[in-house]
Amino acid sequence: MLIADKLLSKAIQEQVKREGALNALETVYSKARYAHFKRVKWGSQFFDGIQFGDGSLIAVKPGSFNSLTLVSLASEKHME
């Protein structure tokens, strides 16, 4: 199991709904070790993300109606 999958729990997903994706991403970053911020590209725009030692990422992804969500990815190759 990837680090990103372990850290992106149901509690964090609920926090995204309550406090927003960026605040939830900060919470994950404060709990994570051996992680660094990374800019990730979705379409033509860049968003914040966290990359872990195993190469997995938790990234902010744009959703419908100008909403943002968090997704876990095995690597940057799995981005749209």
N, C-alpha and C. Protein backbone atom coordinates (compact mmCIF):
# COMPACT_ATOMS: atom_id res chain seq x y z
N MET A 1 0.84 -1.18 0.00
CA MET A 1 0.00 0.00 0.00
C MET A 1 0.89 1.25 0.00
N LEU A 2 0.49 2.22 -0.77
CA LEU A 2 1.26 3.45 -0.90
C LEU A 2 1.07 4.36 0.31
N ILE A 3 2.07 5.17 0.59
CA ILE A 3 1.98 6.13 1.69
C ILE A 3 0.80 7.07 1.48
N ALA A 4 0.62 7.55 0.26
CA ALA A 4 -0.47 8.48 -0.03
C ALA A 4 -1.83 7.85 0.27
N ASP A 5 -2.00 6.57 -0.07
CA ASP A 5 -3.26 5.89 0.20
C ASP A 5 -3.51 5.76 1.70
N LYS A 6 -2.46 5.49 2.46
CA LYS A 6 -2.60 5.36 3.91
C LYS A 6 -2.99 6.67 4.56
N LEU A 7 -2.40 7.77 4.11
CA LEU A 7 -2.64 9.07 4.75
C LEU A 7 -3.93 9.74 4.32
N LEU A 8 -4.44 9.39 3.15
CA LEU A 8 -5.69 10.00 2.68
C LEU A 8 -6.87 9.17 3.20
N SER A 9 -7.13 9.33 4.48
CA SER A 9 -8.16 8.55 5.17
C SER A 9 -9.54 9.18 5.00
N LYS A 10 -10.54 8.46 5.48
CA LYS A 10 -11.91 8.98 5.46
C LYS A 10 -12.01 10.26 6.28
N ALA A 11 -11.28 10.34 7.39
CA ALA A 11 -11.31 11.54 8.23
C ALA A 11 -10.78 12.75 7.46
N ILE A 12 -9.72 12.56 6.69
CA ILE A 12 -9.17 13.66 5.89
C ILE A 12 -10.15 14.04 4.79
N GLN A 13 -10.81 13.07 4.19
CA GLN A 13 -11.78 13.39 3.14
C GLN A 13 -12.97 14.16 3.71
N GLU A 14 -13.36 13.85 4.93
CA GLU A 14 -14.42 14.61 5.59
C GLU A 14 -13.95 16.03 5.91
N GLN A 15 -12.67 16.16 6.29
CA GLN A 15 -12.10 17.48 6.56
C GLN A 15 -12.09 18.34 5.31
N VAL A 16 -11.87 17.72 4.16
CA VAL A 16 -11.91 18.46 2.89
C VAL A 16 -13.28 19.09 2.71
N LYS A 17 -14.33 18.35 3.03
CA LYS A 17 -15.69 18.87 2.89
C LYS A 17 -15.96 20.02 3.87
N ARG A 18 -15.42 19.91 5.09
CA ARG A 18 -15.67 20.92 6.12
C ARG A 18 -14.79 22.16 5.97
N GLU A 19 -13.49 21.95 5.75
CA GLU A 19 -12.52 23.04 5.83
C GLU A 19 -11.87 23.40 4.50
N GLY A 20 -12.06 22.59 3.49
CA GLY A 20 -11.45 22.86 2.20
C GLY A 20 -10.22 22.00 1.95
N ALA A 21 -9.89 21.84 0.68
CA ALA A 21 -8.81 20.95 0.27
C ALA A 21 -7.44 21.43 0.74
N LEU A 22 -7.20 22.72 0.68
CA LEU A 22 -5.87 23.22 1.06
C LEU A 22 -5.60 23.06 2.55
N ASN A 23 -6.60 23.32 3.39
CA ASN A 23 -6.43 23.12 4.83
C ASN A 23 -6.21 21.65 5.16
N ALA A 24 -6.94 20.78 4.49
CA ALA A 24 -6.76 19.34 4.71
C ALA A 24 -5.38 18.89 4.23
N LEU A 25 -4.90 19.45 3.14
CA LEU A 25 -3.57 19.11 2.64
C LEU A 25 -2.51 19.51 3.66
N GLU A 26 -2.67 20.66 4.30
CA GLU A 26 -1.74 21.08 5.35
C GLU A 26 -1.76 20.12 6.52
N THR A 27 -2.93 19.61 6.87
CA THR A 27 -3.04 18.64 7.96
C THR A 27 -2.28 17.37 7.63
N VAL A 28 -2.43 16.89 6.41
CA VAL A 28 -1.70 15.68 5.98
C VAL A 28 -0.20 15.95 6.02
N TYR A 29 0.22 17.10 5.55
CA TYR A 29 1.65 17.43 5.52
C TYR A 29 2.22 17.48 6.93
N SER A 30 1.46 18.00 7.88
CA SER A 30 1.97 18.09 9.25
C SER A 30 2.11 16.72 9.89
N LYS A 31 1.34 15.73 9.43
CA LYS A 31 1.42 14.37 9.97
C LYS A 31 2.46 13.52 9.24
N ALA A 32 2.79 13.90 8.03
CA ALA A 32 3.67 13.08 7.18
C ALA A 32 5.13 13.33 7.49
N ARG A 33 5.90 12.29 7.31
CA ARG A 33 7.35 12.42 7.41
C ARG A 33 7.94 12.10 6.05
N TYR A 34 9.08 12.65 5.78
CA TYR A 34 9.76 12.42 4.50
C TYR A 34 8.87 12.80 3.31
N ALA A 35 8.24 13.96 3.42
CA ALA A 35 7.38 14.45 2.34
C ALA A 35 7.80 15.86 1.98
N HIS A 36 7.51 16.26 0.77
CA HIS A 36 7.79 17.64 0.36
C HIS A 36 6.67 18.14 -0.56
N PHE A 37 6.47 19.45 -0.51
CA PHE A 37 5.46 20.05 -1.37
C PHE A 37 5.89 19.97 -2.82
N LYS A 38 4.92 19.82 -3.68
CA LYS A 38 5.19 19.72 -5.11
C LYS A 38 4.05 20.38 -5.86
N ARG A 39 4.37 21.07 -6.93
CA ARG A 39 3.35 21.65 -7.81
C ARG A 39 2.95 20.57 -8.81
N VAL A 40 1.65 20.30 -8.91
CA VAL A 40 1.17 19.30 -9.86
C VAL A 40 0.30 19.97 -10.90
N LYS A 41 0.35 19.47 -12.11
CA LYS A 41 -0.37 20.10 -13.22
C LYS A 41 -1.58 19.26 -13.60
N TRP A 42 -2.74 19.89 -13.56
CA TRP A 42 -3.99 19.30 -14.03
C TRP A 42 -4.45 20.15 -15.20
N GLY A 43 -4.44 19.61 -16.38
CA GLY A 43 -4.79 20.39 -17.56
C GLY A 43 -3.76 21.47 -17.78
N SER A 44 -4.18 22.72 -17.77
CA SER A 44 -3.25 23.83 -17.98
C SER A 44 -2.95 24.59 -16.70
N GLN A 45 -3.47 24.12 -15.57
CA GLN A 45 -3.29 24.82 -14.30
C GLN A 45 -2.44 23.99 -13.34
N PHE A 46 -1.76 24.70 -12.43
CA PHE A 46 -0.94 24.05 -11.41
C PHE A 46 -1.63 24.13 -10.06
N PHE A 47 -1.51 23.04 -9.28
CA PHE A 47 -2.11 22.97 -7.96
C PHE A 47 -1.07 22.42 -6.98
N ASP A 48 -1.37 22.53 -5.68
CA ASP A 48 -0.47 22.05 -4.64
C ASP A 48 -0.60 20.54 -4.47
N GLY A 49 0.49 19.93 -4.06
CA GLY A 49 0.49 18.51 -3.76
C GLY A 49 1.62 18.19 -2.80
N ILE A 50 1.63 16.97 -2.31
CA ILE A 50 2.68 16.47 -1.43
C ILE A 50 3.19 15.18 -2.04
N GLN A 51 4.53 15.07 -2.18
CA GLN A 51 5.11 13.84 -2.69
C GLN A 51 5.87 13.15 -1.57
N PHE A 52 5.71 11.84 -1.48
CA PHE A 52 6.32 11.05 -0.43
C PHE A 52 7.52 10.28 -0.94
N GLY A 53 8.25 9.66 -0.04
CA GLY A 53 9.48 8.96 -0.38
C GLY A 53 9.30 7.83 -1.37
N ASP A 54 8.12 7.21 -1.41
CA ASP A 54 7.89 6.12 -2.35
C ASP A 54 7.44 6.62 -3.72
N GLY A 55 7.37 7.95 -3.90
CA GLY A 55 6.97 8.52 -5.19
C GLY A 55 5.49 8.81 -5.30
N SER A 56 4.70 8.34 -4.33
CA SER A 56 3.26 8.59 -4.38
C SER A 56 2.96 10.04 -4.00
N LEU A 57 1.79 10.50 -4.42
CA LEU A 57 1.40 11.89 -4.19
C LEU A 57 0.00 11.98 -3.63
N ILE A 58 -0.24 13.02 -2.85
CA ILE A 58 -1.58 13.49 -2.55
C ILE A 58 -1.64 14.87 -3.16
N ALA A 59 -2.61 15.07 -4.05
CA ALA A 59 -2.67 16.32 -4.79
C ALA A 59 -4.06 16.93 -4.75
N VAL A 60 -4.08 18.25 -4.80
CA VAL A 60 -5.33 18.97 -4.95
C VAL A 60 -5.75 18.82 -6.40
N LYS A 61 -7.00 18.43 -6.61
CA LYS A 61 -7.51 18.25 -7.97
C LYS A 61 -8.78 19.08 -8.14
N PRO A 62 -8.88 19.81 -9.24
CA PRO A 62 -10.10 20.58 -9.46
C PRO A 62 -11.28 19.65 -9.73
N GLY A 63 -12.42 20.02 -9.17
CA GLY A 63 -13.63 19.24 -9.38
C GLY A 63 -14.66 20.06 -10.13
N SER A 64 -15.88 19.60 -10.08
CA SER A 64 -16.96 20.30 -10.76
C SER A 64 -17.36 21.54 -9.98
N PHE A 65 -17.85 22.53 -10.67
CA PHE A 65 -18.36 23.77 -10.07
C PHE A 65 -17.33 24.47 -9.18
N ASN A 66 -16.09 24.54 -9.64
CA ASN A 66 -15.01 25.24 -8.95
C ASN A 66 -14.70 24.69 -7.57
N SER A 67 -14.97 23.43 -7.35
CA SER A 67 -14.61 22.82 -6.07
C SER A 67 -13.26 22.12 -6.21
N LEU A 68 -12.58 21.94 -5.09
CA LEU A 68 -11.30 21.26 -5.07
C LEU A 68 -11.42 20.02 -4.19
N THR A 69 -10.69 18.98 -4.54
CA THR A 69 -10.68 17.76 -3.75
C THR A 69 -9.25 17.24 -3.66
N LEU A 70 -9.02 16.26 -2.82
CA LEU A 70 -7.71 15.62 -2.70
C LEU A 70 -7.78 14.22 -3.29
N VAL A 71 -6.75 13.85 -4.02
CA VAL A 71 -6.65 12.51 -4.60
C VAL A 71 -5.27 11.95 -4.32
N SER A 72 -5.18 10.64 -4.22
CA SER A 72 -3.87 9.99 -4.07
C SER A 72 -3.50 9.36 -5.41
N LEU A 73 -2.24 9.46 -5.74
CA LEU A 73 -1.73 8.94 -7.01
C LEU A 73 -0.47 8.13 -6.73
N ALA A 74 -0.28 7.07 -7.50
CA ALA A 74 0.92 6.25 -7.34
C ALA A 74 2.17 7.00 -7.78
N SER A 75 2.03 7.83 -8.81
CA SER A 75 3.15 8.63 -9.31
C SER A 75 2.60 9.74 -10.19
N GLU A 76 3.48 10.62 -10.63
CA GLU A 76 3.05 11.70 -11.51
C GLU A 76 2.55 11.18 -12.85
N LYS A 77 2.93 9.99 -13.24
CA LYS A 77 2.50 9.42 -14.52
C LYS A 77 1.00 9.14 -14.55
N HIS A 78 0.38 9.04 -13.37
CA HIS A 78 -1.04 8.71 -13.29
C HIS A 78 -1.93 9.95 -13.32
N MET A 79 -1.37 11.10 -13.57
CA MET A 79 -2.17 12.32 -13.63
C MET A 79 -2.81 12.43 -15.00
N GLU A 80 -3.97 13.08 -15.05
CA GLU A 80 -4.69 13.28 -16.32
C GLU A 80 -3.94 14.23 -17.21
